[in-house]
Every structure is written in C-alpha cells, then in structure tokens.
Protein backbone atom coordinates (compact mmCIF):
# COMPACT_ATOMS: atom_id res chain seq x y z
CA MET A 1 -2.88 24.73 96.58
CA ALA A 2 -5.22 21.79 97.18
CA ILE A 3 -4.18 20.23 93.93
CA LEU A 4 -0.48 20.73 94.89
CA MET A 5 -1.05 19.12 98.19
CA LYS A 6 -2.67 16.11 96.60
CA ILE A 7 0.28 15.72 94.22
CA VAL A 8 2.61 16.04 97.27
CA GLY A 9 0.55 13.36 99.07
CA PHE A 10 0.58 11.00 96.15
CA ILE A 11 4.39 11.15 95.78
CA LEU A 12 4.80 10.72 99.46
CA ALA A 13 2.45 7.65 99.59
CA LEU A 14 4.60 6.12 96.79
CA ILE A 15 8.01 6.69 98.38
CA THR A 16 7.14 6.17 102.03
CA PRO A 17 7.28 2.45 102.05
CA PHE A 18 11.02 2.89 101.09
CA ALA A 19 11.72 5.56 103.57
CA SER A 20 13.12 3.06 106.06
CA MET A 21 15.81 2.25 103.63
CA LEU A 22 16.93 5.95 103.82
CA VAL A 23 16.73 6.36 107.60
CA TRP A 24 20.46 5.96 107.99
CA ASP A 25 22.39 8.87 106.38
CA PRO A 26 25.95 8.04 105.91
CA THR A 27 26.84 11.79 105.82
CA ALA A 28 25.65 12.32 109.35
CA TYR A 29 28.41 10.07 110.81
CA PHE A 30 31.04 12.34 109.11
CA ASP A 31 29.14 15.53 109.59
CA LYS A 32 30.94 17.60 112.31
CA GLU A 33 28.03 19.90 112.61
CA VAL A 34 25.75 17.34 114.21
CA PRO A 35 28.00 16.56 117.34
CA VAL A 36 28.96 20.22 117.59
CA ALA A 37 25.37 21.33 117.70
CA GLU A 38 24.39 18.40 120.25
CA GLU A 39 27.37 19.42 122.51
CA LYS A 40 26.22 23.02 122.59
CA ILE A 41 22.64 21.99 123.48
CA GLY A 42 23.72 19.18 125.90
CA GLY A 43 22.67 16.23 123.76
CA PHE A 44 19.29 15.56 122.17
CA MET A 45 16.82 18.50 122.59
CA LYS A 46 13.68 17.18 124.44
CA GLY A 47 11.24 20.11 124.21
CA VAL A 48 7.75 21.13 124.53
CA CYS A 49 6.09 24.38 123.20
CA HIS A 50 4.14 26.86 125.37
CA LEU A 51 4.93 25.46 128.85
CA ASP A 52 3.19 26.59 132.08
CA PRO A 53 5.55 26.90 135.11
CA ASP A 54 4.60 23.51 136.79
CA TYR A 55 8.13 22.65 137.09
CA LYS A 56 7.73 19.33 139.03
CA LEU A 57 5.26 18.06 136.32
CA ILE A 58 7.52 19.33 133.56
CA ASN A 59 10.85 17.76 135.12
CA GLU A 60 8.80 14.31 135.61
CA ALA A 61 8.01 14.39 131.92
CA ASN A 62 11.71 14.46 131.06
CA VAL A 63 11.12 17.69 129.35
CA GLU A 64 14.33 19.69 129.23
CA TRP A 65 13.50 22.56 126.70
CA PHE A 66 10.79 25.22 126.62
CA ARG A 67 10.30 26.58 122.99
CA ASP A 68 8.75 30.02 123.37
CA ASP A 69 8.13 33.16 121.40
CA ILE A 70 10.35 36.12 122.40
CA PRO A 71 8.46 39.47 122.33
CA PHE A 72 9.77 42.36 120.29
CA PRO A 73 12.32 44.07 122.44
CA PHE A 74 11.64 47.67 122.03
CA ALA A 75 8.87 50.29 122.55
CA ALA A 76 7.86 52.87 120.04
CA ASP A 77 10.31 55.40 121.71
CA GLY A 78 13.21 52.92 121.46
CA SER A 79 13.28 51.96 125.10
CA VAL A 80 13.32 48.42 126.15
CA SER A 81 9.71 47.03 126.08
CA PRO A 82 8.23 46.05 129.65
CA HIS A 83 6.69 43.18 127.95
CA TYR A 84 10.11 42.06 126.82
CA GLU A 85 11.61 42.45 130.32
CA ASN A 86 8.88 40.50 131.89
CA TRP A 87 9.38 37.71 129.45
CA LYS A 88 13.01 37.66 130.11
CA ARG A 89 12.47 37.37 134.02
CA GLU A 90 10.01 34.51 133.48
CA ALA A 91 12.36 32.69 131.12
CA LYS A 92 15.13 33.03 133.73
CA GLU A 93 12.87 31.20 136.19
CA TYR A 94 12.55 28.21 133.95
CA VAL A 95 16.31 28.23 133.45
CA ASP A 96 16.86 28.44 137.30
CA ASN A 97 14.41 25.36 137.46
CA GLY A 98 16.65 23.32 134.95
CA ILE A 99 14.61 23.91 131.88
CA ARG A 100 16.46 25.64 128.85
CA ILE A 101 14.88 28.14 126.54
CA PHE A 102 14.50 27.69 122.81
CA GLY A 103 13.60 31.21 121.74
CA VAL A 104 11.71 32.26 118.56
CA THR A 105 12.12 35.73 117.34
CA PRO A 106 9.21 37.93 116.22
CA TYR A 107 7.34 37.95 112.84
CA PRO A 108 7.94 40.56 110.23
CA ASP A 109 4.94 42.60 111.07
CA ASP A 110 6.42 43.36 114.41
CA TYR A 111 9.44 44.98 112.69
CA ILE A 112 7.20 46.83 110.30
CA ALA A 113 5.09 48.31 113.06
CA TYR A 114 8.40 49.58 114.67
CA GLY A 115 9.48 51.20 111.35
CA LEU A 116 11.82 48.45 110.04
CA ASP A 117 10.36 47.07 106.81
CA PRO A 118 12.31 44.03 105.74
CA ARG A 119 11.41 44.91 102.14
CA LYS A 120 13.36 48.21 102.47
CA PRO A 121 17.26 48.10 102.28
CA GLU A 122 17.58 50.88 104.64
CA SER A 123 15.89 48.70 107.28
CA ARG A 124 18.65 45.92 107.01
CA GLU A 125 21.08 47.31 109.66
CA GLY A 126 18.30 47.94 112.22
CA ILE A 127 16.88 44.48 111.94
CA GLN A 128 20.45 43.01 112.26
CA ASP A 129 21.02 45.19 115.23
CA ILE A 130 18.08 43.69 116.91
CA ALA A 131 19.12 40.14 116.11
CA ARG A 132 22.50 40.81 117.75
CA PHE A 133 20.72 42.34 120.65
CA TYR A 134 18.78 39.16 121.34
CA VAL A 135 21.97 37.08 121.29
CA ASN A 136 23.79 39.39 123.57
CA ASP A 137 21.11 40.33 126.00
CA LEU A 138 19.69 36.88 126.41
CA LYS A 139 23.03 35.08 127.20
CA GLY A 140 22.63 32.52 129.88
CA ILE A 141 18.90 32.38 129.21
CA VAL A 142 18.16 31.29 125.68
CA GLY A 143 20.27 28.34 124.50
CA ALA A 144 18.81 28.10 120.93
CA PHE A 145 17.26 30.69 118.65
CA GLN A 146 14.93 30.21 115.79
CA VAL A 147 14.63 33.24 113.60
CA THR A 148 10.96 34.02 113.17
CA ASN A 149 8.41 31.22 112.59
CA GLU A 150 6.81 29.34 109.65
CA MET A 151 7.52 31.77 106.73
CA GLY A 152 5.18 30.66 103.95
CA ILE A 153 2.18 30.37 106.23
CA ASP A 154 0.22 33.47 105.34
CA ARG A 155 -0.95 34.67 108.79
CA PHE A 156 2.72 34.69 109.84
CA THR A 157 4.43 35.84 106.59
CA LEU A 158 2.24 38.66 105.10
CA PRO A 159 2.83 41.29 103.88
CA LEU A 160 6.13 39.72 102.86
CA THR A 161 6.56 37.38 99.91
CA LEU A 162 8.40 34.05 100.43
CA ASP A 163 11.56 35.65 98.76
CA GLU A 164 11.43 38.59 101.05
CA ALA A 165 10.83 36.28 103.99
CA ALA A 166 13.95 34.38 103.12
CA GLU A 167 15.93 37.59 103.18
CA PHE A 168 14.41 38.66 106.41
CA ILE A 169 15.40 35.36 108.01
CA GLY A 170 18.91 35.36 106.28
CA MET A 171 19.94 38.91 107.37
CA GLN A 172 19.37 38.00 110.98
CA LEU A 173 21.20 34.60 110.84
CA GLU A 174 24.22 36.49 109.20
CA ALA A 175 24.26 39.06 112.21
CA MET A 176 23.80 36.43 114.87
CA TYR A 177 26.26 33.87 113.56
CA PRO A 178 29.63 35.59 114.56
CA VAL A 179 28.26 36.56 118.15
CA ARG A 180 26.30 33.40 118.91
CA GLY A 181 28.85 31.79 121.06
CA ASP A 182 27.64 28.67 122.67
CA VAL A 183 24.07 28.79 121.44
CA ILE A 184 22.71 27.38 118.26
CA ILE A 185 20.75 29.33 115.63
CA GLY A 186 18.52 28.48 112.68
CA TYR A 187 15.05 28.76 111.13
CA ASN A 188 12.12 26.59 110.49
CA LEU A 189 9.89 25.36 107.64
CA GLY A 190 6.13 24.84 107.83
CA GLY A 191 3.56 23.65 105.37
CA LEU A 192 4.37 23.73 101.70
CA SER A 193 7.13 26.12 102.29
CA ILE A 194 9.18 22.90 102.87
CA LEU A 195 9.30 22.61 99.07
CA GLN A 196 10.49 26.13 98.43
CA LEU A 197 12.06 27.96 101.28
CA PRO A 198 15.15 25.61 101.79
CA PHE A 199 16.19 26.42 98.22
CA LYS A 200 15.58 30.25 98.70
CA MET A 201 17.83 30.02 101.93
CA MET A 202 20.75 28.08 100.34
CA LYS A 203 23.12 31.10 100.39
CA TYR A 204 22.26 31.57 104.20
CA HIS A 205 22.64 27.93 105.33
CA GLN A 206 26.23 28.75 106.08
CA TYR A 207 25.04 30.72 109.01
CA CYS A 208 22.72 27.91 110.36
CA ASP A 209 23.52 25.35 113.11
CA TYR A 210 20.27 23.63 112.24
CA VAL A 211 17.21 23.80 110.04
CA GLY A 212 13.93 23.24 111.73
CA VAL A 213 10.84 21.58 110.45
CA ASP A 214 7.09 21.82 111.72
CA MET A 215 4.79 18.90 110.96
CA TYR A 216 1.23 18.25 112.06
CA LEU A 217 0.39 15.37 109.62
CA GLY A 218 -3.25 14.45 109.69
CA CYS A 219 -4.37 17.55 111.39
CA PHE A 220 -4.67 20.33 108.80
CA GLU A 221 -5.13 18.32 105.71
CA ASN A 222 -6.81 15.10 104.57
CA VAL A 223 -4.16 13.84 102.26
CA LEU A 224 -1.19 12.70 104.36
CA LYS A 225 -2.06 9.48 106.24
CA ASN A 226 1.03 7.60 107.25
CA ALA A 227 2.95 8.52 110.34
CA ASP A 228 6.23 7.26 108.62
CA GLN A 229 5.93 10.33 106.34
CA TYR A 230 7.58 12.19 109.23
CA VAL A 231 10.59 10.33 108.35
CA THR A 232 10.26 10.78 104.65
CA ILE A 233 9.91 14.65 104.96
CA LEU A 234 12.74 14.94 107.50
CA ASN A 235 14.99 13.05 105.05
CA PHE A 236 14.02 15.33 102.20
CA VAL A 237 14.99 18.39 104.27
CA ARG A 238 18.17 16.78 105.39
CA ARG A 239 19.23 16.02 102.02
CA ILE A 240 18.43 19.52 100.59
CA THR A 241 19.99 21.47 103.32
CA GLY A 242 22.70 19.11 104.69
CA LYS A 243 22.18 20.54 108.07
CA PRO A 244 21.33 19.06 111.47
CA ILE A 245 17.57 18.87 111.83
CA ILE A 246 15.25 19.84 114.65
CA LEU A 247 11.61 18.86 114.48
CA CYS A 248 10.67 22.26 116.06
CA GLU A 249 6.89 21.57 116.22
CA PHE A 250 5.02 18.38 115.96
CA GLY A 251 1.87 17.04 117.56
CA TYR A 252 -1.57 15.62 117.06
CA ILE A 253 -4.95 16.99 117.81
CA GLY A 254 -6.51 15.02 120.76
CA TYR A 255 -10.25 15.90 120.13
CA GLY A 256 -12.51 16.59 117.19
CA GLU A 257 -14.96 14.95 114.72
CA PRO A 258 -17.02 15.77 111.64
CA LYS A 259 -20.27 17.78 111.75
CA THR A 260 -23.38 16.51 110.08
CA GLU A 261 -24.79 18.36 107.14
CA ALA A 262 -27.67 19.52 109.42
CA GLU A 263 -25.16 20.85 111.95
CA LYS A 264 -23.21 22.74 109.21
CA LYS A 265 -26.42 24.22 107.84
CA ALA A 266 -27.33 25.49 111.35
CA ILE A 267 -24.02 27.12 111.73
CA LEU A 268 -24.21 28.86 108.35
CA GLN A 269 -27.62 30.17 109.28
CA LYS A 270 -26.21 31.58 112.42
CA TYR A 271 -24.13 33.68 110.17
CA GLY A 272 -27.12 34.67 107.92
CA PHE A 273 -26.97 32.15 105.05
CA ASP A 274 -28.52 28.89 104.20
CA SER A 275 -25.77 27.37 102.14
CA GLU A 276 -22.03 27.67 101.08
CA GLU A 277 -23.25 28.72 97.61
CA GLU A 278 -25.27 31.68 99.06
CA ALA A 279 -22.15 32.76 101.39
CA ARG A 280 -19.76 32.59 98.35
CA ALA A 281 -22.11 34.88 96.30
CA ASN A 282 -21.97 37.53 99.09
CA ILE A 283 -18.57 36.54 100.61
CA TRP A 284 -17.62 39.73 102.27
CA GLU A 285 -20.88 40.04 104.10
CA PHE A 286 -20.40 36.45 105.25
CA VAL A 287 -16.90 37.24 106.48
CA ASN A 288 -18.09 40.24 108.34
CA ASN A 289 -20.67 37.89 110.30
CA LEU A 290 -18.02 35.43 111.27
CA PRO A 291 -16.40 35.55 114.81
CA ASP A 292 -14.25 38.65 115.30
CA ASP A 293 -10.95 36.92 115.17
CA LEU A 294 -11.68 35.23 111.79
CA THR A 295 -13.17 38.53 110.39
CA GLU A 296 -10.16 40.38 111.50
CA GLU A 297 -7.56 37.96 109.96
CA ILE A 298 -9.36 37.38 106.57
CA THR A 299 -9.95 41.23 106.16
CA HIS A 300 -6.41 41.96 107.05
CA ASP A 301 -4.78 39.29 105.07
CA TYR A 302 -6.87 38.97 101.92
CA SER A 303 -8.66 42.28 101.22
CA ASP A 304 -6.95 42.30 97.76
CA ARG A 305 -8.28 39.09 96.75
CA THR A 306 -11.32 38.55 94.46
CA PRO A 307 -14.57 37.40 95.95
CA GLU A 308 -14.06 34.08 94.16
CA GLU A 309 -10.55 33.61 95.71
CA VAL A 310 -11.92 34.57 99.26
CA GLY A 311 -14.71 32.04 98.92
CA ASN A 312 -12.30 29.33 97.82
CA LEU A 313 -9.95 30.21 100.68
CA ILE A 314 -12.70 30.01 103.23
CA PHE A 315 -14.53 27.00 102.20
CA ASP A 316 -11.81 24.78 100.45
CA GLY A 317 -9.17 25.02 103.21
CA GLU A 318 -8.40 25.34 106.86
CA TYR A 319 -10.80 28.21 107.58
CA SER A 320 -13.79 25.84 106.92
CA ASN A 321 -12.62 23.75 109.91
CA HIS A 322 -12.81 26.81 112.04
CA ILE A 323 -16.19 28.01 110.76
CA TYR A 324 -17.75 24.61 111.41
CA CYS A 325 -15.65 23.83 114.55
CA GLU A 326 -14.89 20.37 113.20
CA LEU A 327 -12.22 17.93 112.01
CA PRO A 328 -13.78 16.74 108.81
CA ASP A 329 -14.02 13.13 107.72
CA GLY A 330 -10.78 11.90 106.29
CA TYR A 331 -8.62 14.01 108.67
CA GLY A 332 -6.15 11.84 110.55
CA LEU A 333 -3.27 9.44 110.29
CA TYR A 334 -3.80 5.68 109.99
CA LYS A 335 -4.22 3.95 113.35
CA TYR A 336 -4.42 7.27 115.30
CA PRO A 337 -7.86 8.72 115.94
CA HIS A 338 -8.25 12.34 117.06
CA THR A 339 -8.90 11.16 120.69
CA PRO A 340 -6.76 11.46 123.87
CA GLU A 341 -5.71 7.72 123.48
CA GLY A 342 -4.92 8.14 119.56
CA GLN A 343 -2.91 11.34 120.39
CA ALA A 344 -0.80 9.39 123.04
CA GLU A 345 -0.25 6.46 120.61
CA PHE A 346 0.85 8.98 117.97
CA TYR A 347 3.47 10.31 120.21
CA GLU A 348 4.68 6.86 121.35
CA TYR A 349 5.38 5.91 117.64
CA VAL A 350 6.64 9.21 116.25
CA ILE A 351 9.03 10.07 119.04
CA LYS A 352 10.75 6.78 118.67
CA LYS A 353 10.93 6.92 114.91
CA VAL A 354 12.36 10.52 114.83
CA ARG A 355 14.94 9.83 117.61
CA SER A 356 16.35 7.00 115.50
CA LEU A 357 17.51 9.51 112.80
CA ASP A 358 21.18 10.35 113.23
CA TYR A 359 20.85 13.82 111.82
CA VAL A 360 17.86 15.01 114.06
CA ILE A 361 19.18 16.62 117.15
CA GLY A 362 15.94 17.62 118.88
CA MET A 363 12.19 17.79 118.77
CA CYS A 364 9.44 19.87 120.59
CA ALA A 365 6.02 18.54 121.07
CA TYR A 366 3.19 21.01 120.53
CA CYS A 367 2.03 21.82 123.15
CA TRP A 368 1.88 21.59 127.00
CA ALA A 369 -1.70 22.47 127.72
CA ASP A 370 -5.14 22.32 126.02
CA SER A 371 -6.48 25.90 125.27
CA ASP A 372 -9.61 27.49 126.45
CA SER A 373 -10.33 28.86 122.97
CA CYS A 374 -8.88 28.49 119.41
CA TYR A 375 -6.23 31.31 118.70
CA VAL A 376 -7.24 31.58 115.09
CA CYS A 377 -11.10 31.92 115.31
CA GLY A 378 -11.63 32.58 119.15
CA GLN A 379 -14.18 29.77 119.65
CA ALA A 380 -13.99 27.57 122.71
CA GLU A 381 -15.75 24.76 120.72
CA CYS A 382 -13.24 24.77 117.76
CA PRO A 383 -11.05 21.65 118.02
CA VAL A 384 -8.44 22.88 115.59
CA GLU A 385 -6.32 24.87 118.10
CA THR A 386 -7.66 23.71 121.46
CA GLY A 387 -6.85 20.05 121.87
CA TRP A 388 -3.14 19.80 121.41
CA GLY A 389 -2.07 19.56 125.07
CA LEU A 390 -0.08 16.95 126.95
CA VAL A 391 -2.25 18.21 129.95
CA ASP A 392 -5.80 19.33 130.09
CA GLY A 393 -7.00 22.89 130.85
CA LYS A 394 -6.60 22.17 134.59
CA GLY A 395 -3.11 21.05 134.28
CA GLN A 396 -3.88 17.33 134.76
CA PRO A 397 -2.01 14.88 132.64
CA LYS A 398 -3.60 13.36 129.59
CA PRO A 399 -2.39 10.02 128.04
CA ALA A 400 -0.16 11.98 125.79
CA TYR A 401 1.85 13.26 128.70
CA TYR A 402 2.82 9.78 129.68
CA ALA A 403 3.76 8.89 126.10
CA VAL A 404 6.01 11.87 125.83
CA GLN A 405 7.44 10.99 129.22
CA GLU A 406 8.39 7.54 128.07
CA GLY A 407 9.59 8.82 124.59
CA TYR A 408 11.93 11.38 126.24
CA LYS A 409 13.36 9.17 128.76
CA ASP A 410 17.25 8.82 128.75
C-alpha cells in the first residue's frame, strides 16, 4: 500500500503542473445533469460536517448545508429506533433554521447487526426497503443523500470486500432513484479507493445524481504535497464517472508536530516495550496494551492477519501516528503548516480553486468543531482527529472559520 501511494504521488507530481490546463471541462457546459442537480440543491452546496446548533454562528459563516450521519432506523424488534427519531427531530431544527441536511446512510456492519448481510442475495430486498424508507420518511428534511461512507477504508468497509461494497452501495441507489423526487443521491470515494471504486460502480452511475470525493491531502500521508492536486484528482474522478462532483469531505489538521525519538521511546515503554522491533516481535501483546479504542479496532478488523502484517499495519501507516500522538515530519502541503494559521490559508486557497471547476456542485468542510479526543484512538493529545475544527472546543471561531466564511460568500 505504501509503495502504491508513492507511485500515485509520483504520477500526480508529474501531471499537477498541467492540471490548470484541464480545469475547464467542455462536457460540463453541455451536461444537463450539472444544472439539474444544482437546481435541486439550490445552487452550489456550501457545507460543513458535524455542526453544533449554534445557528447564528453557522449562518454568519455562510454555511448552508450540514453533512451528517443518519442513524440506522430500526431497533432489533423492527420498530423505529428512538435514536433515529431523535436524530430526525434535531435535523428538522436545523432545517427550520435555514440549514439543509446532507445525510449519510449507515455502514455495512449496521445492516449485518440487524440481520441484513449485503453479501447474501436474500438481504437485497430488505436493504433496498430501508433505502426507500430513508427517502420517504425524511422528505422535507434531507435534501441530499450519500449512500454509506468511504468504502475502501477498512474501518468503514469490513467485513465487506470492495466488490461487495460496490454492490451494497449500488443496490441502495437503484432503490432510491425512482422515489427520490427533488433530492439528489450518490456515493463517495475515499483514500486509494478513488483508483478502484468508480470502475466497480460503472453500472450504477445511471442512478447517481453526483459522485462524491473525500480528500485530506497532507494529513494522512507524506507523499502528496501540492494543494493543486485537489484539482488533479477531482478532474480524474469527473472524467472517469462523467457525473457532477461534490467534494464531500475536505479539510486540514490545525495542530500537530513530530515527536522526538526520546519521546517515542517513552511512549513505547508506557506500553511495555523499548523499541518497535520488540513490539513487532510480540505484536498482539503490544496491541493489547494500547488504548482501548485502538485495541478494539485492530483486534476486530485484523485478527486474521499474520503478526508481520499487523506489525506493518501498525508501524508503517496511520496507526503509528495515533500511537505516538504526532504528525510526523514530512506530513503537510507546501506553504500550509499544521497550525491554525496554516489551516486557514489552506481553506482560503482550496475553496477558491474547487469552486472554479464547472462540474463541482458543492463541498463540505471537515469539520465544525475541534474534538476533545480522537475518535480512532480515544486520546485527547492525539492531533490526528482532534484539530480539524473551524471553531475550537469552546465554540470560538478559529482563523479557519473566517477563511471558510469568505470562501463561501455569495
């Protein structure tokens, strides 16, 4: 995976200087799907993920859409879930305050827990019934649907393969399409699935009003360095799918720096080992000593892997950043350090660039507020999933808030 990422980075580095020559897509001018989708959503979608109900601050930021996860709708006995009903009431409050909802349907494991396994043909009808239920039950509340999220990322996709995930997405789009009315529907791409999933979804693109892309360049890898690569990648997805595009998630970590070797050793010692080599030699013991959230995820998702594979997974990828609570040296885009000021400058540049693309009909910044702890590892000091906010943990605007406010103006 790391080698593939480097190859992709090398190719992107070669073609990115020419990306500006491809910004204008002549097909967008003649593509009736673009204006039809824009009319349904009331113009360019200016969104943010995971809002808090500070409506005055939201409206002042020129944010018009709230991208949020929709809970699974049914309890084990088949009755409507109270959690779902509470979410529906809260979503309507946003709508009543002038903010439209971009709803993301649940992950495969939610359906499996309910007894509908997407890998089994007999589950297809039940999954499609739920897809239609969402569209019909949330009329007037949800203005756009995204079917599940980031298939291809292990923590969201497993136990499905990418082929099975494509069918899981497609069967729901097929069911929603004839009953969707004035809402738009689609799916999103995340990580390296951008290179695979669009091709697997070809037969289902007829049921899509858009295809979404999630990108966090300079945050989860040390290969992609140029903010203009947002344009290059969006162009690639547009040309493969031929659909209107929404940048469903994009953002930049506002804090984080490398740990010293001494600091890393101290962290390893906290988990009972003096070096990564020792940890690799006793990898499952090491995993069991990690913060509970990490232990649970790694054990749940990778118990079938060899010790060597688990060691590589932990120390050669994203998990290493969680373990050391760092953003390693080399992570980041040119010109944009992982600071509140660098985060704001990132938004200032990227929003303007993306809004210039004729075929892009919306974008959603990730996310509204800094988090108290990392949702992956549970640690408050981990920068990987805590510093994304446009406002801080107390709801006070950061420099990024004002950059998005300006970028979303008009």
